[in-house]
Protein backbone atom coordinates (compact mmCIF):
# COMPACT_ATOMS: atom_id res chain seq x y z
CA MET A 1 -260.59 -29.63 68.82
CA LYS A 2 -260.02 -28.61 65.21
CA PRO A 3 -262.41 -25.81 64.12
CA LYS A 4 -264.83 -26.55 61.30
CA LYS A 5 -264.06 -25.04 57.92
CA ASP A 6 -266.10 -21.97 57.07
CA PHE A 7 -267.93 -21.68 53.76
CA THR A 8 -265.09 -19.77 52.08
CA GLU A 9 -262.41 -22.30 53.02
CA ARG A 10 -264.66 -25.25 52.20
CA THR A 11 -265.61 -23.83 48.82
CA GLN A 12 -262.01 -23.09 47.91
CA PHE A 13 -261.01 -26.64 48.84
CA ILE A 14 -263.51 -28.26 46.47
CA ILE A 15 -262.71 -25.74 43.71
CA ASN A 16 -259.04 -26.67 44.03
CA PHE A 17 -259.95 -30.36 43.73
CA ASP A 18 -261.57 -29.71 40.36
CA ALA A 19 -258.76 -27.41 39.23
CA LYS A 20 -256.18 -30.15 39.80
CA ILE A 21 -258.14 -32.71 37.76
CA ARG A 22 -258.87 -30.14 35.03
CA GLN A 23 -255.16 -29.44 34.77
CA GLU A 24 -254.35 -33.15 34.60
CA CYS A 25 -256.85 -33.91 31.84
CA GLY A 26 -256.32 -30.69 29.87
CA GLY A 27 -259.97 -30.09 29.11
CA LEU A 28 -263.47 -29.42 30.39
CA LEU A 29 -264.55 -31.12 33.58
CA CYS A 30 -268.10 -32.25 34.28
CA GLY A 31 -269.51 -33.12 37.69
CA VAL A 32 -272.47 -35.49 37.88
CA ASP A 33 -274.59 -36.60 40.82
CA GLU A 34 -278.06 -37.94 41.57
CA ALA A 35 -280.89 -37.52 44.05
CA GLY A 36 -283.58 -40.02 44.91
CA ARG A 37 -282.04 -43.49 44.92
CA GLY A 38 -283.48 -44.35 48.32
CA PRO A 39 -287.13 -43.19 48.29
CA VAL A 40 -290.03 -45.57 47.76
CA ALA A 41 -291.88 -43.08 45.57
CA GLY A 42 -291.06 -40.70 42.75
CA PRO A 43 -288.24 -40.49 40.20
CA VAL A 44 -284.49 -40.59 40.45
CA VAL A 45 -282.97 -37.34 39.17
CA ALA A 46 -279.41 -36.68 38.04
CA ALA A 47 -277.65 -33.47 37.11
CA ALA A 48 -274.44 -32.71 35.22
CA VAL A 49 -272.57 -29.40 35.48
CA ILE A 50 -269.61 -27.89 33.63
CA PHE A 51 -268.13 -24.66 35.01
CA PRO A 52 -265.61 -22.21 33.58
CA ASP A 53 -262.19 -22.31 35.22
CA ASP A 54 -262.61 -19.14 37.27
CA VAL A 55 -266.08 -19.68 38.77
CA TYR A 56 -266.53 -19.13 42.52
CA ILE A 57 -269.88 -19.58 44.27
CA PRO A 58 -269.62 -19.53 48.07
CA GLY A 59 -271.72 -22.11 49.89
CA VAL A 60 -271.74 -24.81 47.21
CA PHE A 61 -271.32 -28.18 48.93
CA ASP A 62 -272.98 -31.59 49.24
CA SER A 63 -276.72 -30.87 48.94
CA LYS A 64 -277.43 -33.03 51.99
CA LYS A 65 -275.18 -30.85 54.15
CA ILE A 66 -276.82 -27.49 53.41
CA SER A 67 -280.33 -26.24 54.12
CA ALA A 68 -283.28 -26.21 51.73
CA ARG A 69 -283.13 -22.42 51.73
CA GLN A 70 -279.44 -22.46 50.77
CA ARG A 71 -280.08 -25.02 48.03
CA GLY A 72 -282.85 -22.88 46.60
CA GLU A 73 -280.65 -19.78 46.58
CA LEU A 74 -277.74 -21.62 44.94
CA PHE A 75 -279.90 -23.40 42.35
CA GLY A 76 -280.38 -20.38 40.09
CA GLU A 77 -276.83 -19.09 40.47
CA ILE A 78 -275.35 -22.47 39.54
CA LYS A 79 -277.43 -22.64 36.35
CA GLN A 80 -276.62 -19.03 35.49
CA ARG A 81 -272.88 -19.35 35.93
CA ALA A 82 -272.33 -22.81 34.49
CA LEU A 83 -270.97 -23.21 30.99
CA ALA A 84 -273.47 -26.03 30.60
CA PHE A 85 -275.78 -28.13 32.72
CA GLY A 86 -278.15 -31.02 32.12
CA ILE A 87 -280.90 -32.75 34.07
CA GLY A 88 -281.89 -36.41 33.72
CA ILE A 89 -285.10 -37.85 35.15
CA VAL A 90 -286.12 -41.52 35.28
CA ASP A 91 -289.57 -42.23 36.70
CA ASN A 92 -290.74 -44.94 39.09
CA LEU A 93 -292.08 -47.17 36.32
CA ASP A 94 -288.68 -47.35 34.65
CA ILE A 95 -287.01 -47.81 38.04
CA ASP A 96 -289.21 -50.86 38.62
CA THR A 97 -288.36 -52.18 35.15
CA MET A 98 -284.59 -51.71 35.13
CA ASN A 99 -283.79 -51.53 38.90
CA ILE A 100 -282.57 -48.46 40.75
CA LEU A 101 -278.87 -48.83 39.90
CA ASN A 102 -279.49 -48.97 36.17
CA ALA A 103 -282.09 -46.22 36.43
CA THR A 104 -279.53 -44.02 38.20
CA LYS A 105 -276.99 -44.65 35.45
CA GLN A 106 -279.65 -43.84 32.87
CA ALA A 107 -280.52 -40.56 34.60
CA MET A 108 -276.83 -39.63 34.62
CA ASN A 109 -276.52 -40.51 30.92
CA ILE A 110 -279.51 -38.30 30.10
CA ALA A 111 -278.07 -35.40 32.11
CA ILE A 112 -274.73 -35.63 30.30
CA THR A 113 -276.44 -35.95 26.92
CA GLU A 114 -278.28 -32.70 27.60
CA LEU A 115 -275.00 -30.76 27.91
CA ASN A 116 -274.44 -28.48 24.92
CA ILE A 117 -270.67 -28.98 25.16
CA SER A 118 -268.67 -32.17 25.68
CA PRO A 119 -266.45 -32.67 28.73
CA LYS A 120 -263.01 -34.22 28.64
CA VAL A 121 -263.45 -35.85 32.06
CA ILE A 122 -266.46 -36.67 34.22
CA ILE A 123 -266.31 -36.84 38.00
CA ALA A 124 -269.13 -39.01 39.32
CA ASP A 125 -270.19 -39.45 42.91
CA GLY A 126 -269.92 -43.11 43.88
CA ASN A 127 -268.14 -46.08 42.38
CA PHE A 128 -270.40 -47.41 39.61
CA TYR A 129 -270.62 -44.99 36.69
CA ALA A 130 -269.10 -45.34 33.21
CA ASN A 131 -269.61 -43.31 30.03
CA PRO A 132 -268.04 -44.02 26.62
CA LYS A 133 -267.95 -40.33 25.66
CA ALA A 134 -265.40 -39.21 28.27
CA GLU A 135 -262.98 -40.38 30.91
CA VAL A 136 -264.87 -41.04 34.12
CA ARG A 137 -263.39 -40.71 37.57
CA ASN A 138 -265.60 -42.29 40.22
CA VAL A 139 -265.02 -40.64 43.58
CA ILE A 140 -266.63 -41.71 46.84
CA LYS A 141 -268.30 -38.72 48.52
CA ALA A 142 -267.42 -36.58 45.51
CA ASP A 143 -270.18 -34.16 46.52
CA GLU A 144 -267.96 -33.20 49.48
CA LYS A 145 -264.74 -33.05 47.42
CA SER A 146 -265.58 -31.68 43.97
CA PHE A 147 -267.12 -28.27 43.32
CA SER A 148 -268.79 -29.44 40.11
CA VAL A 149 -270.24 -32.57 41.70
CA ALA A 150 -271.49 -30.58 44.69
CA ALA A 151 -273.21 -28.18 42.30
CA ALA A 152 -274.73 -31.11 40.41
CA SER A 153 -276.00 -32.56 43.67
CA ILE A 154 -277.79 -29.28 44.39
CA LEU A 155 -279.41 -29.13 40.94
CA ALA A 156 -280.53 -32.76 41.23
CA LYS A 157 -281.86 -32.39 44.77
CA VAL A 158 -283.77 -29.16 44.16
CA THR A 159 -285.23 -30.47 40.90
CA ARG A 160 -286.43 -33.67 42.54
CA ASP A 161 -287.80 -31.91 45.62
CA ARG A 162 -289.84 -29.61 43.40
CA ILE A 163 -291.21 -32.58 41.46
CA MET A 164 -292.29 -34.25 44.71
CA CYS A 165 -293.96 -31.05 45.93
CA GLU A 166 -295.96 -30.97 42.71
CA PHE A 167 -297.02 -34.57 43.24
CA GLU A 168 -298.66 -33.52 46.49
CA ASN A 169 -301.19 -31.57 44.41
CA THR A 170 -302.05 -34.77 42.54
CA TYR A 171 -302.05 -36.97 45.65
CA PRO A 172 -303.26 -34.71 48.50
CA ASN A 173 -303.43 -37.61 50.97
CA PHE A 174 -299.63 -37.81 50.85
CA THR A 175 -297.30 -35.16 52.28
CA PHE A 176 -294.74 -35.54 49.50
CA SER A 177 -293.59 -31.96 50.09
CA HIS A 178 -292.41 -33.09 53.53
CA HIS A 179 -290.98 -36.61 53.18
CA LYS A 180 -290.19 -36.44 49.42
CA GLY A 181 -291.13 -40.08 48.98
CA TYR A 182 -288.68 -41.52 51.51
CA GLY A 183 -289.92 -44.33 53.73
CA THR A 184 -290.47 -42.23 56.84
CA ALA A 185 -292.91 -43.21 59.59
CA ALA A 186 -295.36 -40.57 58.34
CA HIS A 187 -295.14 -41.87 54.77
CA ILE A 188 -295.67 -45.46 55.87
CA GLU A 189 -298.76 -44.38 57.80
CA GLU A 190 -300.09 -42.71 54.65
CA ILE A 191 -299.53 -45.87 52.62
CA LEU A 192 -301.25 -47.98 55.28
CA GLU A 193 -304.26 -45.69 55.22
CA PHE A 194 -304.54 -44.84 51.52
CA GLY A 195 -302.53 -47.51 49.68
CA TYR A 196 -299.89 -47.05 47.03
CA THR A 197 -300.16 -44.34 44.38
CA ASP A 198 -299.15 -44.45 40.74
CA ILE A 199 -295.77 -42.92 41.61
CA HIS A 200 -294.75 -45.53 44.20
CA ARG A 201 -291.95 -47.92 43.30
CA ARG A 202 -293.53 -51.37 43.47
CA THR A 203 -290.16 -53.13 43.68
CA PHE A 204 -289.23 -51.20 46.84
CA ARG A 205 -290.86 -53.34 49.51
CA LEU A 206 -291.74 -51.99 52.94
CA LYS A 207 -292.10 -54.62 55.66
CA ALA A 208 -294.62 -52.49 57.50
CA VAL A 209 -297.03 -52.57 54.56
CA ASP A 210 -296.37 -56.06 53.16
CA GLN A 211 -299.52 -57.15 54.94
CA LEU A 212 -301.62 -55.12 52.52
CA THR A 213 -303.26 -57.10 49.75
CA LEU A 214 -302.04 -54.83 46.98
CA ASN A 215 -300.88 -55.66 43.51
CA ILE A 216 -297.23 -54.79 44.02
């Protein structure tokens, strides 16, 4: 059985991925990723990150594959060592208006607009993003292949998680700090007992609560 890569080897692999593309394009590379497409409550958040050529931060990887503690520790170091970073947030009301795919694209656009320098190429996680300001390379599972995208995934995830934790103060009947707005069994039970809040996405239907006579 092949041994799993340790953090050092894994980090070097995704740094090398970016270095190859940076060399091909001859300019600054930006990684962009999002968090929060799937939840039934809260915003979708995107982040964009541009690093200098020689940056090395052990442990950076797909935010879903590292612990909350690791994400929190890496969050500040990524922002400190990046040449530029941006955060884009689109709330549940706009998600309901424009649908989640368009809202995700909008969050990514906002994040890239917030950069104080312009990239030559953008690596985006997935297969749907386009931006007229730079060449875009859509890469499936880019958060496991690109250092910059992995870093962006961490910024987006930590930012969104913190937003959802704050929402728990506003809506104390909901454990948003635990389920982060995803449609878990505990979250569904909360909706059944207390109804939808102002931050729930009305266009995201849950079969278990369709029986409620709510204005959704």
